[in-house]
Every structure is written in structure tokens, then in C-alpha cells.
Amino acid sequence: MTRPVSPLATPPEEIAGHDLLKGKKVVVTAAAGTGIGFATARRVLLEGGDVLVSDFHERRLGETVEKLAAEFGAERVTSHVCDVSSTEQVDDLIAASAQKLGRIDVLVNNAGLGGETPVADMTDEQWDRVVDITLTSTFRATRAALRYFRDAGHGGILVNNASVLGWRAQRGQAHYAAAKAGVMALTRCSAVEAADYGVRINAVAPSIARHPFLAKVTSDDLLDELASREAYGRAAEVWEIAATIAMLASDYTTYLTGEIVSISSQRA
């Protein structure tokens, strides 16, 4: 039986900003390039906020700043190089961001690392690297941000980038799925503690958002197959993920904490 084409199979035009983040100072990790991090930084600016973008790749980070500044103005965009596998550099990122922006209102933990390796063939090094960049880096940044918000005394917001693979099984993704499930658990547990400081922590769990970086680490055939399973018959646009992150970072979700918001049209 031929599956009907959904009327939502054609991606919508990106929505305009509505000042959801007006006046907010936002830090986005792993924001260089063309993926969810860059889309999130751009959405922050569209929604009226100022942004500090961070990445370990200095050249790409510089190009990202230039692109955002050309569209929104250099005074609203700044950057800081950071390797999230280093506790020292993550701590420095939070301190430098507070200084460069004047304060931090929102931290978006976007850094993550994927790959495709069967468990039987996976090395300790492959496992450790994916878990370190995807899960442990989120812990490092969460810890540093909570210390900052606790001492600053003005509250704040964290939004973590998880994945539907934290719930669902996929071949070759045991390390990544385990790390993203860990991000979900970290989100829930740290949110309970963060409430003491007036901080709320939530996460998004995208299914598939197609962008050039993802194509470098995943085959086109697999991406096509995953997209075909979605109820809309397509992958998400990166701006659709970023728009949900902006909602969680806004004052429209003040009673929401410790939650994982699935961004997926996939059938159960």
C-alpha cells in the first residue's frame, strides 16, 4: 500500500521573531557551522536577544560571528573559543561569557558527537570520546553555569540538546544513545537542584534535523530512511529545532523544568 504524502511534507518558511528573548544574554555551545547550534544562535538574535557563540574550531567560529554580525549587527554577537572536553576551558567559557555579555541569562548546551559503530566493533576510545563530548561536556557546562547563577543570584535558564535516541533504539548508535539518555537524566536531576537557585533546566530531543555536518557522519541512505519514517515524511529543518529551544529559553515556559521536549513527527 502506497503511503499518502502528508500536506506537511514541504518544510514551512522560517517564522519571524516575536521578541521571545528580548534583552536576554544567551550562550550557545558548538555553534559554529550550519547545524542546530548556529540555527539556535540565529534564532536568539531573531527573538531580540544577544548571543555569545562558542566552539573549539576557531576559524569556523570566526566565520559564524561574521555571518551573524552581518545580518544582525556586530554589537549583538560575540564569541569565545572553547573545547568542551576541558573542564578548565568550560569554566573559562562561563566566566568570559558573563564578562563579555555583562551577565548570562541562558545557556544552551548544544555540544555533542555522534558516529556509527556496532557495539561488537566499538573501541573504548570511541565509546569514551562520544560520551565525553556528548554527556560529560553537558555536565561540565551545567556545573559551571549553576555555580555562576547561584553566586549571581538572578536566576537563569539552561536548555540541553538531547535526542530521541535517548528513548529509541538504532543500530550502531549505542554510545550516542547512551550519552543522550544520560543528558536526559542529567537534565531531570539537575533541574531539581537548580530550582534552589531560581534556575530551570529543560532539554529538547530532536529526531532528525538534516544539515551538512550530519551528512558528514551519517550516510545519505540512512538519513533518507530515517526521514521517511517521520509522519511528515521529512526531516526537521534546523530552525524548527531552534525555535523550540527559544521557547524553552523564554518566559513562556516559566513553570516548566526537568522536562524533555521531543521534536519529532515520528509515529510511536
C-alpha atoms as a PDB file:
ATOM      1  CA  MET A   1       0.000   0.000   0.000  1.00  0.00           C
ATOM      2  CA  THR A   2       1.402   3.364  -1.003  1.00  0.00           C
ATOM      3  CA  ARG A   3       1.709   5.783   1.859  1.00  0.00           C
ATOM      4  CA  PRO A   4      -0.048   9.109   1.191  1.00  0.00           C
ATOM      5  CA  VAL A   5       2.084  12.245   1.076  1.00  0.00           C
ATOM      6  CA  SER A   6       1.486  14.459   4.088  1.00  0.00           C
ATOM      7  CA  PRO A   7       0.464  18.072   3.441  1.00  0.00           C
ATOM      8  CA  LEU A   8       3.258  18.864   5.931  1.00  0.00           C
ATOM      9  CA  ALA A   9       5.916  17.142   3.822  1.00  0.00           C
ATOM     10  CA  THR A  10       7.037  20.506   2.472  1.00  0.00           C
ATOM     11  CA  PRO A  11       9.005  22.429   5.115  1.00  0.00           C
ATOM     12  CA  PRO A  12       7.354  25.707   6.099  1.00  0.00           C
ATOM     13  CA  GLU A  13       9.043  29.051   5.725  1.00  0.00           C
ATOM     14  CA  GLU A  14      11.021  30.069   8.791  1.00  0.00           C
ATOM     15  CA  ILE A  15       8.849  32.069  11.153  1.00  0.00           C
ATOM     16  CA  ALA A  16       9.736  35.644  12.033  1.00  0.00           C
ATOM     17  CA  GLY A  17      10.944  36.564  15.502  1.00  0.00           C
ATOM     18  CA  HIS A  18       8.455  37.669  18.163  1.00  0.00           C
ATOM     19  CA  ASP A  19      10.829  39.129  20.782  1.00  0.00           C
ATOM     20  CA  LEU A  20      10.645  35.964  22.903  1.00  0.00           C
ATOM     21  CA  LEU A  21      14.186  36.594  24.137  1.00  0.00           C
ATOM     22  CA  LYS A  22      14.240  40.382  24.080  1.00  0.00           C
ATOM     23  CA  GLY A  23      17.015  41.670  26.324  1.00  0.00           C
ATOM     24  CA  LYS A  24      18.312  38.205  27.236  1.00  0.00           C
ATOM     25  CA  LYS A  25      22.000  37.318  27.118  1.00  0.00           C
ATOM     26  CA  VAL A  26      22.445  33.826  25.692  1.00  0.00           C
ATOM     27  CA  VAL A  27      25.434  31.472  25.367  1.00  0.00           C
ATOM     28  CA  VAL A  28      25.322  28.691  22.760  1.00  0.00           C
ATOM     29  CA  THR A  29      27.972  25.955  22.656  1.00  0.00           C
ATOM     30  CA  ALA A  30      29.048  24.174  19.453  1.00  0.00           C
ATOM     31  CA  ALA A  31      27.520  26.990  17.419  1.00  0.00           C
ATOM     32  CA  ALA A  32      29.961  27.157  14.505  1.00  0.00           C
ATOM     33  CA  GLY A  33      28.935  25.767  11.144  1.00  0.00           C
ATOM     34  CA  THR A  34      25.479  25.018   9.788  1.00  0.00           C
ATOM     35  CA  GLY A  35      23.813  22.846  12.403  1.00  0.00           C
ATOM     36  CA  ILE A  36      21.416  23.270  15.304  1.00  0.00           C
ATOM     37  CA  GLY A  37      23.898  25.414  17.263  1.00  0.00           C
ATOM     38  CA  PHE A  38      24.176  28.029  14.519  1.00  0.00           C
ATOM     39  CA  ALA A  39      20.410  27.967  13.945  1.00  0.00           C
ATOM     40  CA  THR A  40      19.870  28.486  17.673  1.00  0.00           C
ATOM     41  CA  ALA A  41      22.258  31.439  17.819  1.00  0.00           C
ATOM     42  CA  ARG A  42      20.471  32.998  14.851  1.00  0.00           C
ATOM     43  CA  ARG A  43      17.062  32.386  16.451  1.00  0.00           C
ATOM     44  CA  VAL A  44      18.252  34.111  19.647  1.00  0.00           C
ATOM     45  CA  LEU A  45      19.042  37.186  17.573  1.00  0.00           C
ATOM     46  CA  LEU A  46      15.749  36.962  15.682  1.00  0.00           C
ATOM     47  CA  GLU A  47      13.964  36.868  19.052  1.00  0.00           C
ATOM     48  CA  GLY A  48      15.683  40.018  20.308  1.00  0.00           C
ATOM     49  CA  GLY A  49      18.466  38.550  22.447  1.00  0.00           C
ATOM     50  CA  ASP A  50      22.236  38.995  22.355  1.00  0.00           C
ATOM     51  CA  VAL A  51      24.381  35.925  21.851  1.00  0.00           C
ATOM     52  CA  LEU A  52      27.820  34.563  22.592  1.00  0.00           C
ATOM     53  CA  VAL A  53      28.698  31.661  20.322  1.00  0.00           C
ATOM     54  CA  SER A  54      31.307  29.112  21.323  1.00  0.00           C
ATOM     55  CA  ASP A  55      33.113  26.310  19.529  1.00  0.00           C
ATOM     56  CA  PHE A  56      36.516  24.639  19.565  1.00  0.00           C
ATOM     57  CA  HIS A  57      37.101  25.357  15.850  1.00  0.00           C
ATOM     58  CA  GLU A  58      38.453  28.910  15.823  1.00  0.00           C
ATOM     59  CA  ARG A  59      38.228  29.552  12.076  1.00  0.00           C
ATOM     60  CA  ARG A  60      34.658  28.301  11.743  1.00  0.00           C
ATOM     61  CA  LEU A  61      33.700  30.220  14.856  1.00  0.00           C
ATOM     62  CA  GLY A  62      35.048  33.417  13.336  1.00  0.00           C
ATOM     63  CA  GLU A  63      33.085  32.787  10.144  1.00  0.00           C
ATOM     64  CA  THR A  64      29.948  32.206  12.205  1.00  0.00           C
ATOM     65  CA  VAL A  65      30.371  35.515  14.032  1.00  0.00           C
ATOM     66  CA  GLU A  66      30.897  37.335  10.735  1.00  0.00           C
ATOM     67  CA  LYS A  67      27.763  35.822   9.245  1.00  0.00           C
ATOM     68  CA  LEU A  68      25.574  36.630  12.250  1.00  0.00           C
ATOM     69  CA  ALA A  69      27.050  40.117  12.657  1.00  0.00           C
ATOM     70  CA  ALA A  70      26.407  40.915   9.006  1.00  0.00           C
ATOM     71  CA  GLU A  71      22.709  40.138   9.483  1.00  0.00           C
ATOM     72  CA  PHE A  72      22.094  41.454  12.999  1.00  0.00           C
ATOM     73  CA  GLY A  73      24.922  43.832  13.844  1.00  0.00           C
ATOM     74  CA  ALA A  74      28.317  43.233  15.441  1.00  0.00           C
ATOM     75  CA  GLU A  75      27.250  44.733  18.767  1.00  0.00           C
ATOM     76  CA  ARG A  76      24.838  41.834  19.389  1.00  0.00           C
ATOM     77  CA  VAL A  77      27.236  38.963  18.670  1.00  0.00           C
ATOM     78  CA  THR A  78      30.414  37.877  20.414  1.00  0.00           C
ATOM     79  CA  SER A  79      32.342  34.621  20.716  1.00  0.00           C
ATOM     80  CA  HIS A  80      34.695  32.560  22.825  1.00  0.00           C
ATOM     81  CA  VAL A  81      36.756  29.554  21.757  1.00  0.00           C
ATOM     82  CA  CYS A  82      36.150  26.537  23.983  1.00  0.00           C
ATOM     83  CA  ASP A  83      36.934  22.836  23.880  1.00  0.00           C
ATOM     84  CA  VAL A  84      34.104  21.299  25.912  1.00  0.00           C
ATOM     85  CA  SER A  85      36.248  18.264  26.735  1.00  0.00           C
ATOM     86  CA  SER A  86      38.293  20.529  29.054  1.00  0.00           C
ATOM     87  CA  THR A  87      36.898  21.456  32.457  1.00  0.00           C
ATOM     88  CA  GLU A  88      39.248  24.431  32.609  1.00  0.00           C
ATOM     89  CA  GLN A  89      38.049  25.770  29.246  1.00  0.00           C
ATOM     90  CA  VAL A  90      34.361  25.252  30.097  1.00  0.00           C
ATOM     91  CA  ASP A  91      34.789  27.103  33.394  1.00  0.00           C
ATOM     92  CA  ASP A  92      36.577  29.874  31.494  1.00  0.00           C
ATOM     93  CA  LEU A  93      33.736  29.987  28.940  1.00  0.00           C
ATOM     94  CA  ILE A  94      31.161  30.764  31.616  1.00  0.00           C
ATOM     95  CA  ALA A  95      33.379  33.394  33.266  1.00  0.00           C
ATOM     96  CA  ALA A  96      34.271  35.007  29.934  1.00  0.00           C
ATOM     97  CA  SER A  97      30.647  34.962  28.753  1.00  0.00           C
ATOM     98  CA  ALA A  98      29.472  36.775  31.883  1.00  0.00           C
ATOM     99  CA  GLN A  99      32.157  39.395  31.326  1.00  0.00           C
ATOM    100  CA  LYS A 100      31.597  39.848  27.579  1.00  0.00           C
ATOM    101  CA  LEU A 101      27.793  39.863  27.750  1.00  0.00           C
ATOM    102  CA  GLY A 102      27.508  41.641  31.085  1.00  0.00           C
ATOM    103  CA  ARG A 103      25.607  38.677  32.512  1.00  0.00           C
ATOM    104  CA  ILE A 104      24.290  35.275  31.420  1.00  0.00           C
ATOM    105  CA  ASP A 105      20.552  34.623  31.282  1.00  0.00           C
ATOM    106  CA  VAL A 106      20.517  31.440  29.194  1.00  0.00           C
ATOM    107  CA  LEU A 107      22.975  28.647  28.400  1.00  0.00           C
ATOM    108  CA  VAL A 108      22.224  26.296  25.523  1.00  0.00           C
ATOM    109  CA  ASN A 109      24.266  23.104  25.814  1.00  0.00           C
ATOM    110  CA  ASN A 110      24.400  22.018  22.191  1.00  0.00           C
ATOM    111  CA  ALA A 111      27.756  20.220  22.009  1.00  0.00           C
ATOM    112  CA  GLY A 112      27.605  16.561  21.024  1.00  0.00           C
ATOM    113  CA  LEU A 113      29.415  13.961  18.964  1.00  0.00           C
ATOM    114  CA  GLY A 114      27.919  11.087  17.007  1.00  0.00           C
ATOM    115  CA  GLY A 115      29.165   8.272  14.836  1.00  0.00           C
ATOM    116  CA  GLU A 116      28.038   4.861  13.685  1.00  0.00           C
ATOM    117  CA  THR A 117      29.769   1.796  15.164  1.00  0.00           C
ATOM    118  CA  PRO A 118      28.361  -1.610  16.169  1.00  0.00           C
ATOM    119  CA  VAL A 119      28.886  -2.480  19.829  1.00  0.00           C
ATOM    120  CA  ALA A 120      30.934  -5.582  18.955  1.00  0.00           C
ATOM    121  CA  ASP A 121      33.396  -3.444  16.973  1.00  0.00           C
ATOM    122  CA  MET A 122      33.427  -0.395  19.240  1.00  0.00           C
ATOM    123  CA  THR A 123      36.679   0.501  20.985  1.00  0.00           C
ATOM    124  CA  ASP A 124      36.983   2.006  24.440  1.00  0.00           C
ATOM    125  CA  GLU A 125      38.305   5.162  22.806  1.00  0.00           C
ATOM    126  CA  GLN A 126      35.262   5.508  20.533  1.00  0.00           C
ATOM    127  CA  TRP A 127      32.889   4.993  23.453  1.00  0.00           C
ATOM    128  CA  ASP A 128      34.775   7.357  25.755  1.00  0.00           C
ATOM    129  CA  ARG A 129      35.027  10.178  23.213  1.00  0.00           C
ATOM    130  CA  VAL A 130      31.323  10.185  22.306  1.00  0.00           C
ATOM    131  CA  VAL A 131      30.246  10.005  25.951  1.00  0.00           C
ATOM    132  CA  ASP A 132      32.743  12.712  26.950  1.00  0.00           C
ATOM    133  CA  ILE A 133      31.742  15.231  24.262  1.00  0.00           C
ATOM    134  CA  THR A 134      28.022  14.476  24.406  1.00  0.00           C
ATOM    135  CA  LEU A 135      27.295  13.825  28.085  1.00  0.00           C
ATOM    136  CA  THR A 136      30.251  14.816  30.247  1.00  0.00           C
ATOM    137  CA  SER A 137      30.621  18.172  28.484  1.00  0.00           C
ATOM    138  CA  THR A 138      26.978  18.913  29.271  1.00  0.00           C
ATOM    139  CA  PHE A 139      27.708  18.107  32.916  1.00  0.00           C
ATOM    140  CA  ARG A 140      30.784  20.376  32.896  1.00  0.00           C
ATOM    141  CA  ALA A 141      28.834  23.302  31.463  1.00  0.00           C
ATOM    142  CA  THR A 142      25.820  22.690  33.711  1.00  0.00           C
ATOM    143  CA  ARG A 143      28.042  22.638  36.797  1.00  0.00           C
ATOM    144  CA  ALA A 144      29.820  25.844  35.803  1.00  0.00           C
ATOM    145  CA  ALA A 145      26.563  27.600  34.917  1.00  0.00           C
ATOM    146  CA  LEU A 146      24.855  26.594  38.165  1.00  0.00           C
ATOM    147  CA  ARG A 147      27.783  27.924  40.169  1.00  0.00           C
ATOM    148  CA  TYR A 148      27.532  31.184  38.225  1.00  0.00           C
ATOM    149  CA  PHE A 149      23.756  31.508  38.687  1.00  0.00           C
ATOM    150  CA  ARG A 150      23.989  30.561  42.369  1.00  0.00           C
ATOM    151  CA  ASP A 151      26.572  33.259  43.038  1.00  0.00           C
ATOM    152  CA  ALA A 152      24.975  35.882  40.766  1.00  0.00           C
ATOM    153  CA  GLY A 153      21.605  35.440  42.439  1.00  0.00           C
ATOM    154  CA  HIS A 154      19.484  36.457  39.444  1.00  0.00           C
ATOM    155  CA  GLY A 155      18.251  33.071  38.243  1.00  0.00           C
ATOM    156  CA  GLY A 156      18.708  31.656  34.767  1.00  0.00           C
ATOM    157  CA  ILE A 157      17.822  29.038  32.207  1.00  0.00           C
ATOM    158  CA  LEU A 158      19.598  26.032  30.718  1.00  0.00           C
ATOM    159  CA  VAL A 159      18.441  24.199  27.606  1.00  0.00           C
ATOM    160  CA  ASN A 160      20.190  20.943  26.733  1.00  0.00           C
ATOM    161  CA  ASN A 161      20.212  19.256  23.339  1.00  0.00           C
ATOM    162  CA  ALA A 162      19.348  15.586  23.798  1.00  0.00           C
ATOM    163  CA  SER A 163      17.938  13.212  21.143  1.00  0.00           C
ATOM    164  CA  VAL A 164      15.047  10.826  20.621  1.00  0.00           C
ATOM    165  CA  LEU A 165      17.758   8.138  20.645  1.00  0.00           C
ATOM    166  CA  GLY A 166      17.765   8.609  24.402  1.00  0.00           C
ATOM    167  CA  TRP A 167      14.470   6.687  24.211  1.00  0.00           C
ATOM    168  CA  ARG A 168      14.651   4.758  20.944  1.00  0.00           C
ATOM    169  CA  ALA A 169      16.956   2.075  19.629  1.00  0.00           C
ATOM    170  CA  GLN A 170      19.042   2.401  16.479  1.00  0.00           C
ATOM    171  CA  ARG A 171      21.790   0.142  15.202  1.00  0.00           C
ATOM    172  CA  GLY A 172      25.325   1.462  15.516  1.00  0.00           C
ATOM    173  CA  GLN A 173      24.337   4.222  17.949  1.00  0.00           C
ATOM    174  CA  ALA A 174      24.796   2.607  21.376  1.00  0.00           C
ATOM    175  CA  HIS A 175      27.421   5.123  22.541  1.00  0.00           C
ATOM    176  CA  TYR A 176      25.500   8.153  21.284  1.00  0.00           C
ATOM    177  CA  ALA A 177      22.138   6.888  22.532  1.00  0.00           C
ATOM    178  CA  ALA A 178      23.560   6.096  25.964  1.00  0.00           C
ATOM    179  CA  ALA A 179      25.116   9.560  26.158  1.00  0.00           C
ATOM    180  CA  LYS A 180      21.875  11.286  25.123  1.00  0.00           C
ATOM    181  CA  ALA A 181      19.888   9.229  27.647  1.00  0.00           C
ATOM    182  CA  GLY A 182      22.417  10.471  30.172  1.00  0.00           C
ATOM    183  CA  VAL A 183      21.759  14.067  29.086  1.00  0.00           C
ATOM    184  CA  MET A 184      18.064  13.458  29.743  1.00  0.00           C
ATOM    185  CA  ALA A 185      18.747  12.078  33.232  1.00  0.00           C
ATOM    186  CA  LEU A 186      21.175  14.905  33.980  1.00  0.00           C
ATOM    187  CA  THR A 187      18.520  17.403  32.886  1.00  0.00           C
ATOM    188  CA  ARG A 188      15.893  15.941  35.222  1.00  0.00           C
ATOM    189  CA  CYS A 189      18.143  15.599  38.267  1.00  0.00           C
ATOM    190  CA  SER A 190      19.969  18.900  37.930  1.00  0.00           C
ATOM    191  CA  ALA A 191      16.647  20.716  37.426  1.00  0.00           C
ATOM    192  CA  VAL A 192      15.518  19.663  40.902  1.00  0.00           C
ATOM    193  CA  GLU A 193      18.690  21.113  42.420  1.00  0.00           C
ATOM    194  CA  ALA A 194      18.678  24.187  40.167  1.00  0.00           C
ATOM    195  CA  ALA A 195      15.274  25.238  41.482  1.00  0.00           C
ATOM    196  CA  ASP A 196      17.074  26.275  44.685  1.00  0.00           C
ATOM    197  CA  TYR A 197      18.847  28.968  42.666  1.00  0.00           C
ATOM    198  CA  GLY A 198      15.848  30.117  40.637  1.00  0.00           C
ATOM    199  CA  VAL A 199      17.127  28.243  37.593  1.00  0.00           C
ATOM    200  CA  ARG A 200      15.131  25.995  35.293  1.00  0.00           C
ATOM    201  CA  ILE A 201      16.640  23.307  33.099  1.00  0.00           C
ATOM    202  CA  ASN A 202      14.926  21.557  30.200  1.00  0.00           C
ATOM    203  CA  ALA A 203      16.022  19.693  27.096  1.00  0.00           C
ATOM    204  CA  VAL A 204      14.943  19.160  23.519  1.00  0.00           C
ATOM    205  CA  ALA A 205      15.073  15.725  21.915  1.00  0.00           C
ATOM    206  CA  PRO A 206      15.120  16.081  18.128  1.00  0.00           C
ATOM    207  CA  SER A 207      14.539  13.053  15.935  1.00  0.00           C
ATOM    208  CA  ILE A 208      16.300  14.107  12.749  1.00  0.00           C
ATOM    209  CA  ALA A 209      17.290  17.563  11.548  1.00  0.00           C
ATOM    210  CA  ARG A 210      19.192  17.406   8.294  1.00  0.00           C
ATOM    211  CA  HIS A 211      22.187  19.684   7.805  1.00  0.00           C
ATOM    212  CA  PRO A 212      25.618  19.435   6.129  1.00  0.00           C
ATOM    213  CA  PHE A 213      27.532  18.409   9.273  1.00  0.00           C
ATOM    214  CA  LEU A 214      25.189  15.468   9.889  1.00  0.00           C
ATOM    215  CA  ALA A 215      25.743  14.320   6.319  1.00  0.00           C
ATOM    216  CA  LYS A 216      29.474  14.026   7.076  1.00  0.00           C
ATOM    217  CA  VAL A 217      28.955  11.438   9.819  1.00  0.00           C
ATOM    218  CA  THR A 218      25.871   9.595   8.528  1.00  0.00           C
ATOM    219  CA  SER A 219      25.145   8.026   5.165  1.00  0.00           C
ATOM    220  CA  ASP A 220      22.570   9.598   2.852  1.00  0.00           C
ATOM    221  CA  ASP A 221      20.745   6.263   2.661  1.00  0.00           C
ATOM    222  CA  LEU A 222      20.297   6.129   6.438  1.00  0.00           C
ATOM    223  CA  LEU A 223      19.200   9.766   6.594  1.00  0.00           C
ATOM    224  CA  ASP A 224      16.645   9.128   3.837  1.00  0.00           C
ATOM    225  CA  GLU A 225      15.356   6.064   5.659  1.00  0.00           C
ATOM    226  CA  LEU A 226      15.028   7.881   8.991  1.00  0.00           C
ATOM    227  CA  ALA A 227      13.282  10.832   7.358  1.00  0.00           C
ATOM    228  CA  SER A 228      10.846   8.504   5.609  1.00  0.00           C
ATOM    229  CA  ARG A 229       9.722   7.104   8.983  1.00  0.00           C
ATOM    230  CA  GLU A 230       8.598  10.511  10.167  1.00  0.00           C
ATOM    231  CA  ALA A 231       4.875  11.170   9.978  1.00  0.00           C
ATOM    232  CA  TYR A 232       5.606  14.168   7.746  1.00  0.00           C
ATOM    233  CA  GLY A 233       7.919  12.093   5.558  1.00  0.00           C
ATOM    234  CA  ARG A 234      10.755  14.590   6.025  1.00  0.00           C
ATOM    235  CA  ALA A 235      13.473  15.612   8.439  1.00  0.00           C
ATOM    236  CA  ALA A 236      13.077  18.734  10.550  1.00  0.00           C
ATOM    237  CA  GLU A 237      14.617  21.991   9.448  1.00  0.00           C
ATOM    238  CA  VAL A 238      17.281  23.178  11.892  1.00  0.00           C
ATOM    239  CA  TRP A 239      15.294  26.373  12.527  1.00  0.00           C
ATOM    240  CA  GLU A 240      12.375  24.249  13.734  1.00  0.00           C
ATOM    241  CA  ILE A 241      14.631  22.802  16.443  1.00  0.00           C
ATOM    242  CA  ALA A 242      15.999  26.247  17.265  1.00  0.00           C
ATOM    243  CA  ALA A 243      12.504  27.710  17.590  1.00  0.00           C
ATOM    244  CA  THR A 244      11.623  25.157  20.264  1.00  0.00           C
ATOM    245  CA  ILE A 245      14.865  25.870  22.100  1.00  0.00           C
ATOM    246  CA  ALA A 246      13.948  29.568  22.040  1.00  0.00           C
ATOM    247  CA  MET A 247      10.542  28.767  23.512  1.00  0.00           C
ATOM    248  CA  LEU A 248      12.162  26.861  26.397  1.00  0.00           C
ATOM    249  CA  ALA A 249      14.558  29.758  26.944  1.00  0.00           C
ATOM    250  CA  SER A 250      11.712  32.274  27.022  1.00  0.00           C
ATOM    251  CA  ASP A 251       9.260  33.429  29.654  1.00  0.00           C
ATOM    252  CA  TYR A 252       6.525  31.366  28.005  1.00  0.00           C
ATOM    253  CA  THR A 253       7.737  28.281  29.906  1.00  0.00           C
ATOM    254  CA  THR A 254       8.320  29.616  33.421  1.00  0.00           C
ATOM    255  CA  TYR A 255       6.669  26.626  35.125  1.00  0.00           C
ATOM    256  CA  LEU A 256       8.480  24.013  33.040  1.00  0.00           C
ATOM    257  CA  THR A 257      11.614  22.381  34.407  1.00  0.00           C
ATOM    258  CA  GLY A 258      13.243  18.957  34.247  1.00  0.00           C
ATOM    259  CA  GLU A 259      11.316  18.133  31.075  1.00  0.00           C
ATOM    260  CA  ILE A 260      12.440  16.615  27.780  1.00  0.00           C
ATOM    261  CA  VAL A 261      10.551  18.028  24.792  1.00  0.00           C
ATOM    262  CA  SER A 262      10.543  15.651  21.846  1.00  0.00           C
ATOM    263  CA  ILE A 263      10.811  17.418  18.492  1.00  0.00           C
ATOM    264  CA  SER A 264       9.618  14.697  16.209  1.00  0.00           C
ATOM    265  CA  SER A 265       6.804  13.886  13.835  1.00  0.00           C
ATOM    266  CA  GLN A 266       7.673  10.200  14.104  1.00  0.00           C
ATOM    267  CA  ARG A 267       4.910   7.700  14.743  1.00  0.00           C
ATOM    268  CA  ALA A 268       5.096   5.906  18.088  1.00  0.00           C
END
